[in-house]
Amino acid sequence: MELEFDITQSFSDDMGTLSERERSVVADQINLVSKSLLNGQTEFKENSSIPYIFNLKDGLDSSLYVIKADEDHRMIVSVDEDPVFDKISLTLFRLVGKESAEDVYKEIGENIYKGSGIL
């Protein structure tokens, strides 16, 4: 299985606000999560959560997660498996303070799912 990354401009901008040390810690966490997605997902499951359930149409499930980046920051990401092309896509949407993670998660999900017409 192959892992494909999509890093949004918002995520890149958020990373730019961190110190070099903080960026390094977040990059290490992204590497751990990435490896986990390819090898049983243990690390991913231990560090991710779904703080809000979106009621999507046609029985679809949200692929949006909040992942612990470090003690103070959380990443809003989506993980989508594509069995046809044997790949997993990891999209990094935002890197935010842990206090605002749930609100940003809900905002991103509403934008994505309303825009797609499935919410």
N, C-alpha and C. Protein backbone atom coordinates (compact mmCIF):
# COMPACT_ATOMS: atom_id res chain seq x y z
N MET A 1 0.84 -1.18 0.00
CA MET A 1 0.00 0.00 0.00
C MET A 1 0.89 1.24 0.00
N GLU A 2 0.44 2.27 -0.68
CA GLU A 2 1.16 3.52 -0.82
C GLU A 2 0.45 4.62 -0.02
N LEU A 3 1.24 5.55 0.52
CA LEU A 3 0.68 6.68 1.26
C LEU A 3 0.90 7.94 0.44
N GLU A 4 -0.19 8.68 0.24
CA GLU A 4 -0.14 9.92 -0.52
C GLU A 4 -0.48 11.07 0.43
N PHE A 5 0.32 12.15 0.37
CA PHE A 5 0.09 13.32 1.21
C PHE A 5 -0.51 14.45 0.40
N ASP A 6 -1.42 15.18 1.03
CA ASP A 6 -1.93 16.43 0.48
C ASP A 6 -1.87 17.44 1.63
N ILE A 7 -1.05 18.45 1.47
CA ILE A 7 -0.87 19.45 2.52
C ILE A 7 -1.50 20.75 2.03
N THR A 8 -2.52 21.22 2.73
CA THR A 8 -3.20 22.44 2.33
C THR A 8 -2.34 23.67 2.65
N GLN A 9 -2.64 24.76 1.99
CA GLN A 9 -1.93 26.01 2.25
C GLN A 9 -2.16 26.46 3.69
N SER A 10 -3.36 26.23 4.20
CA SER A 10 -3.66 26.60 5.59
C SER A 10 -2.75 25.86 6.57
N PHE A 11 -2.53 24.57 6.32
CA PHE A 11 -1.66 23.78 7.19
C PHE A 11 -0.23 24.31 7.10
N SER A 12 0.23 24.58 5.89
CA SER A 12 1.58 25.13 5.72
C SER A 12 1.73 26.46 6.44
N ASP A 13 0.70 27.31 6.33
CA ASP A 13 0.73 28.60 7.02
C ASP A 13 0.79 28.39 8.53
N ASP A 14 0.00 27.45 9.04
CA ASP A 14 -0.01 27.16 10.47
C ASP A 14 1.37 26.68 10.94
N MET A 15 2.00 25.82 10.15
CA MET A 15 3.34 25.33 10.50
C MET A 15 4.34 26.48 10.55
N GLY A 16 4.15 27.47 9.68
CA GLY A 16 5.05 28.60 9.63
C GLY A 16 5.03 29.46 10.87
N THR A 17 4.00 29.33 11.69
CA THR A 17 3.92 30.13 12.91
C THR A 17 4.67 29.48 14.08
N LEU A 18 5.11 28.25 13.89
CA LEU A 18 5.79 27.51 14.97
C LEU A 18 7.28 27.78 14.98
N SER A 19 7.88 27.55 16.13
CA SER A 19 9.34 27.61 16.22
C SER A 19 9.93 26.41 15.48
N GLU A 20 11.19 26.47 15.21
CA GLU A 20 11.85 25.36 14.52
C GLU A 20 11.72 24.06 15.32
N ARG A 21 11.88 24.15 16.62
CA ARG A 21 11.75 22.98 17.48
C ARG A 21 10.34 22.40 17.42
N GLU A 22 9.33 23.27 17.49
CA GLU A 22 7.94 22.81 17.42
C GLU A 22 7.64 22.16 16.06
N ARG A 23 8.16 22.76 14.98
CA ARG A 23 7.96 22.17 13.65
C ARG A 23 8.57 20.78 13.57
N SER A 24 9.72 20.62 14.19
CA SER A 24 10.38 19.32 14.19
C SER A 24 9.55 18.27 14.93
N VAL A 25 9.00 18.66 16.07
CA VAL A 25 8.15 17.74 16.85
C VAL A 25 6.91 17.35 16.05
N VAL A 26 6.28 18.33 15.39
CA VAL A 26 5.09 18.05 14.58
C VAL A 26 5.45 17.16 13.41
N ALA A 27 6.57 17.42 12.74
CA ALA A 27 7.01 16.59 11.62
C ALA A 27 7.25 15.15 12.07
N ASP A 28 7.86 14.98 13.25
CA ASP A 28 8.08 13.63 13.79
C ASP A 28 6.74 12.92 14.03
N GLN A 29 5.75 13.65 14.53
CA GLN A 29 4.44 13.06 14.78
C GLN A 29 3.76 12.67 13.46
N ILE A 30 3.89 13.51 12.45
CA ILE A 30 3.34 13.17 11.14
C ILE A 30 3.99 11.89 10.61
N ASN A 31 5.29 11.75 10.79
CA ASN A 31 5.98 10.54 10.36
C ASN A 31 5.47 9.30 11.10
N LEU A 32 5.28 9.43 12.42
CA LEU A 32 4.75 8.31 13.20
C LEU A 32 3.35 7.90 12.74
N VAL A 33 2.51 8.90 12.54
CA VAL A 33 1.14 8.64 12.08
C VAL A 33 1.16 8.00 10.70
N SER A 34 2.01 8.50 9.82
CA SER A 34 2.10 7.97 8.47
C SER A 34 2.50 6.51 8.48
N LYS A 35 3.52 6.19 9.24
CA LYS A 35 3.96 4.79 9.34
C LYS A 35 2.85 3.92 9.91
N SER A 36 2.14 4.45 10.90
CA SER A 36 1.06 3.70 11.52
C SER A 36 -0.06 3.41 10.54
N LEU A 37 -0.37 4.37 9.68
CA LEU A 37 -1.44 4.15 8.69
C LEU A 37 -1.10 3.00 7.75
N LEU A 38 0.18 2.78 7.54
CA LEU A 38 0.60 1.70 6.65
C LEU A 38 0.84 0.38 7.39
N ASN A 39 0.93 0.44 8.73
CA ASN A 39 1.31 -0.75 9.50
C ASN A 39 0.37 -1.03 10.67
N GLY A 40 -0.90 -1.13 10.42
CA GLY A 40 -1.84 -1.54 11.46
C GLY A 40 -2.56 -0.43 12.18
N GLN A 41 -2.16 0.80 12.03
CA GLN A 41 -2.84 1.99 12.53
C GLN A 41 -2.87 2.14 14.05
N THR A 42 -2.01 1.45 14.78
CA THR A 42 -2.01 1.55 16.24
C THR A 42 -1.69 2.97 16.71
N GLU A 43 -0.61 3.54 16.24
CA GLU A 43 -0.21 4.89 16.64
C GLU A 43 -1.27 5.91 16.21
N PHE A 44 -1.83 5.70 15.03
CA PHE A 44 -2.88 6.61 14.55
C PHE A 44 -4.08 6.58 15.48
N LYS A 45 -4.55 5.41 15.84
CA LYS A 45 -5.73 5.28 16.69
C LYS A 45 -5.49 5.83 18.09
N GLU A 46 -4.28 5.68 18.60
CA GLU A 46 -3.96 6.19 19.93
C GLU A 46 -3.92 7.71 19.98
N ASN A 47 -3.61 8.34 18.86
CA ASN A 47 -3.43 9.80 18.84
C ASN A 47 -4.52 10.55 18.08
N SER A 48 -5.58 9.86 17.67
CA SER A 48 -6.63 10.53 16.90
C SER A 48 -7.97 10.45 17.61
N SER A 49 -8.85 11.37 17.22
CA SER A 49 -10.20 11.35 17.77
C SER A 49 -11.16 11.92 16.73
N ILE A 50 -12.43 11.65 16.96
CA ILE A 50 -13.51 12.19 16.14
C ILE A 50 -14.43 12.94 17.10
N PRO A 51 -14.21 14.25 17.27
CA PRO A 51 -14.94 14.98 18.30
C PRO A 51 -16.38 15.33 17.95
N TYR A 52 -16.75 15.17 16.69
CA TYR A 52 -18.10 15.53 16.26
C TYR A 52 -18.52 14.57 15.15
N ILE A 53 -19.73 14.05 15.25
CA ILE A 53 -20.24 13.12 14.24
C ILE A 53 -21.08 13.90 13.23
N PHE A 54 -20.66 13.85 11.97
CA PHE A 54 -21.41 14.48 10.89
C PHE A 54 -22.43 13.47 10.37
N ASN A 55 -23.67 13.88 10.22
CA ASN A 55 -24.73 13.02 9.67
C ASN A 55 -24.73 13.15 8.15
N LEU A 56 -23.92 12.32 7.52
CA LEU A 56 -23.76 12.39 6.08
C LEU A 56 -24.84 11.56 5.37
N LYS A 57 -25.15 11.97 4.16
CA LYS A 57 -26.17 11.30 3.37
C LYS A 57 -25.67 9.94 2.88
N ASP A 58 -26.62 9.11 2.52
CA ASP A 58 -26.36 7.81 1.87
C ASP A 58 -25.48 6.88 2.71
N GLY A 59 -25.52 7.04 4.02
CA GLY A 59 -24.76 6.15 4.90
C GLY A 59 -23.26 6.34 4.86
N LEU A 60 -22.81 7.46 4.34
CA LEU A 60 -21.37 7.72 4.27
C LEU A 60 -20.82 8.07 5.64
N ASP A 61 -19.56 7.75 5.86
CA ASP A 61 -18.86 8.08 7.10
C ASP A 61 -17.82 9.15 6.84
N SER A 62 -17.65 10.01 7.81
CA SER A 62 -16.63 11.05 7.72
C SER A 62 -15.25 10.42 7.86
N SER A 63 -14.29 10.98 7.14
CA SER A 63 -12.90 10.52 7.25
C SER A 63 -12.02 11.59 7.91
N LEU A 64 -12.68 12.50 8.61
CA LEU A 64 -11.99 13.62 9.25
C LEU A 64 -11.63 13.26 10.69
N TYR A 65 -10.41 13.63 11.10
CA TYR A 65 -9.92 13.31 12.44
C TYR A 65 -9.17 14.50 13.04
N VAL A 66 -9.08 14.50 14.35
CA VAL A 66 -8.17 15.38 15.08
C VAL A 66 -7.05 14.49 15.59
N ILE A 67 -5.81 14.89 15.32
CA ILE A 67 -4.65 14.11 15.75
C ILE A 67 -3.76 14.98 16.63
N LYS A 68 -3.32 14.42 17.71
CA LYS A 68 -2.40 15.12 18.61
C LYS A 68 -1.07 15.31 17.90
N ALA A 69 -0.65 16.57 17.76
CA ALA A 69 0.63 16.88 17.13
C ALA A 69 1.73 17.01 18.19
N ASP A 70 1.39 17.66 19.29
CA ASP A 70 2.25 17.78 20.47
C ASP A 70 1.33 18.15 21.63
N GLU A 71 1.89 18.53 22.74
CA GLU A 71 1.06 18.82 23.92
C GLU A 71 0.10 19.99 23.69
N ASP A 72 0.49 20.94 22.86
CA ASP A 72 -0.31 22.16 22.68
C ASP A 72 -1.05 22.25 21.36
N HIS A 73 -0.74 21.39 20.40
CA HIS A 73 -1.29 21.52 19.05
C HIS A 73 -1.99 20.24 18.59
N ARG A 74 -3.00 20.45 17.73
CA ARG A 74 -3.73 19.35 17.13
C ARG A 74 -3.80 19.56 15.63
N MET A 75 -3.74 18.46 14.88
CA MET A 75 -3.87 18.51 13.42
C MET A 75 -5.27 18.07 13.03
N ILE A 76 -5.86 18.77 12.09
CA ILE A 76 -7.14 18.36 11.52
C ILE A 76 -6.79 17.72 10.18
N VAL A 77 -7.11 16.44 10.05
CA VAL A 77 -6.70 15.67 8.86
C VAL A 77 -7.85 14.81 8.36
N SER A 78 -7.71 14.34 7.14
CA SER A 78 -8.60 13.29 6.66
C SER A 78 -7.74 12.13 6.20
N VAL A 79 -8.28 10.94 6.37
CA VAL A 79 -7.62 9.72 5.95
C VAL A 79 -8.60 8.96 5.07
N ASP A 80 -8.22 8.76 3.83
CA ASP A 80 -9.09 8.09 2.87
C ASP A 80 -8.35 6.91 2.25
N GLU A 81 -8.96 5.73 2.35
CA GLU A 81 -8.38 4.53 1.75
C GLU A 81 -8.98 4.30 0.38
N ASP A 82 -8.13 3.98 -0.58
CA ASP A 82 -8.55 3.70 -1.94
C ASP A 82 -8.06 2.30 -2.31
N PRO A 83 -8.93 1.30 -2.14
CA PRO A 83 -8.49 -0.08 -2.41
C PRO A 83 -8.23 -0.35 -3.89
N VAL A 84 -8.86 0.40 -4.77
CA VAL A 84 -8.66 0.20 -6.21
C VAL A 84 -7.22 0.52 -6.60
N PHE A 85 -6.70 1.65 -6.08
CA PHE A 85 -5.34 2.06 -6.40
C PHE A 85 -4.35 1.68 -5.30
N ASP A 86 -4.82 0.94 -4.29
CA ASP A 86 -3.99 0.44 -3.20
C ASP A 86 -3.19 1.58 -2.55
N LYS A 87 -3.94 2.63 -2.14
CA LYS A 87 -3.27 3.75 -1.49
C LYS A 87 -4.14 4.33 -0.38
N ILE A 88 -3.47 5.03 0.50
CA ILE A 88 -4.12 5.79 1.57
C ILE A 88 -3.74 7.25 1.35
N SER A 89 -4.73 8.12 1.36
CA SER A 89 -4.48 9.56 1.22
C SER A 89 -4.62 10.23 2.58
N LEU A 90 -3.60 10.96 2.97
CA LEU A 90 -3.60 11.72 4.21
C LEU A 90 -3.58 13.20 3.84
N THR A 91 -4.67 13.89 4.14
CA THR A 91 -4.77 15.32 3.86
C THR A 91 -4.64 16.08 5.16
N LEU A 92 -3.68 17.00 5.20
CA LEU A 92 -3.43 17.82 6.39
C LEU A 92 -4.10 19.17 6.16
N PHE A 93 -5.20 19.42 6.89
CA PHE A 93 -5.98 20.65 6.70
C PHE A 93 -5.49 21.81 7.54
N ARG A 94 -5.35 21.59 8.85
CA ARG A 94 -4.98 22.69 9.76
C ARG A 94 -4.15 22.13 10.91
N LEU A 95 -3.36 23.01 11.50
CA LEU A 95 -2.63 22.75 12.74
C LEU A 95 -3.03 23.87 13.68
N VAL A 96 -3.73 23.52 14.75
CA VAL A 96 -4.31 24.53 15.64
C VAL A 96 -4.01 24.22 17.10
N GLY A 97 -4.23 25.20 17.96
CA GLY A 97 -4.10 24.98 19.39
C GLY A 97 -5.13 23.98 19.86
N LYS A 98 -4.80 23.21 20.89
CA LYS A 98 -5.71 22.15 21.34
C LYS A 98 -7.06 22.69 21.79
N GLU A 99 -7.10 23.94 22.27
CA GLU A 99 -8.36 24.51 22.76
C GLU A 99 -9.36 24.76 21.63
N SER A 100 -8.86 25.05 20.44
CA SER A 100 -9.76 25.37 19.32
C SER A 100 -9.95 24.21 18.35
N ALA A 101 -9.34 23.08 18.61
CA ALA A 101 -9.35 21.96 17.66
C ALA A 101 -10.76 21.48 17.31
N GLU A 102 -11.63 21.34 18.29
CA GLU A 102 -12.98 20.84 18.01
C GLU A 102 -13.78 21.81 17.15
N ASP A 103 -13.67 23.10 17.41
CA ASP A 103 -14.39 24.09 16.62
C ASP A 103 -13.88 24.12 15.17
N VAL A 104 -12.56 24.08 15.01
CA VAL A 104 -11.98 24.10 13.67
C VAL A 104 -12.34 22.80 12.93
N TYR A 105 -12.32 21.69 13.63
CA TYR A 105 -12.71 20.40 13.05
C TYR A 105 -14.13 20.48 12.48
N LYS A 106 -15.04 21.00 13.27
CA LYS A 106 -16.44 21.11 12.84
C LYS A 106 -16.57 22.06 11.65
N GLU A 107 -15.87 23.17 11.68
CA GLU A 107 -15.92 24.14 10.59
C GLU A 107 -15.40 23.52 9.28
N ILE A 108 -14.28 22.83 9.35
CA ILE A 108 -13.71 22.20 8.16
C ILE A 108 -14.66 21.13 7.62
N GLY A 109 -15.18 20.29 8.51
CA GLY A 109 -16.11 19.24 8.09
C GLY A 109 -17.35 19.81 7.42
N GLU A 110 -17.92 20.84 7.99
CA GLU A 110 -19.10 21.46 7.39
C GLU A 110 -18.79 22.03 6.02
N ASN A 111 -17.64 22.67 5.88
CA ASN A 111 -17.26 23.22 4.57
C ASN A 111 -17.07 22.13 3.54
N ILE A 112 -16.39 21.07 3.91
CA ILE A 112 -16.15 19.97 2.97
C ILE A 112 -17.44 19.27 2.59
N TYR A 113 -18.21 18.88 3.59
CA TYR A 113 -19.37 18.04 3.33
C TYR A 113 -20.54 18.82 2.75
N LYS A 114 -20.72 20.07 3.14
CA LYS A 114 -21.77 20.89 2.52
C LYS A 114 -21.40 21.18 1.07
N GLY A 115 -20.12 21.47 0.85
CA GLY A 115 -19.64 21.74 -0.50
C GLY A 115 -19.79 20.56 -1.43
N SER A 116 -19.72 19.36 -0.85
CA SER A 116 -19.88 18.14 -1.63
C SER A 116 -21.35 17.73 -1.75
N GLY A 117 -22.22 18.40 -1.00
CA GLY A 117 -23.63 18.08 -1.04
C GLY A 117 -24.02 16.82 -0.30
N ILE A 118 -23.17 16.40 0.66
CA ILE A 118 -23.50 15.17 1.39
C ILE A 118 -23.84 15.41 2.86
N LEU A 119 -23.94 16.68 3.24
CA LEU A 119 -24.33 17.01 4.63
C LEU A 119 -25.68 17.65 4.62
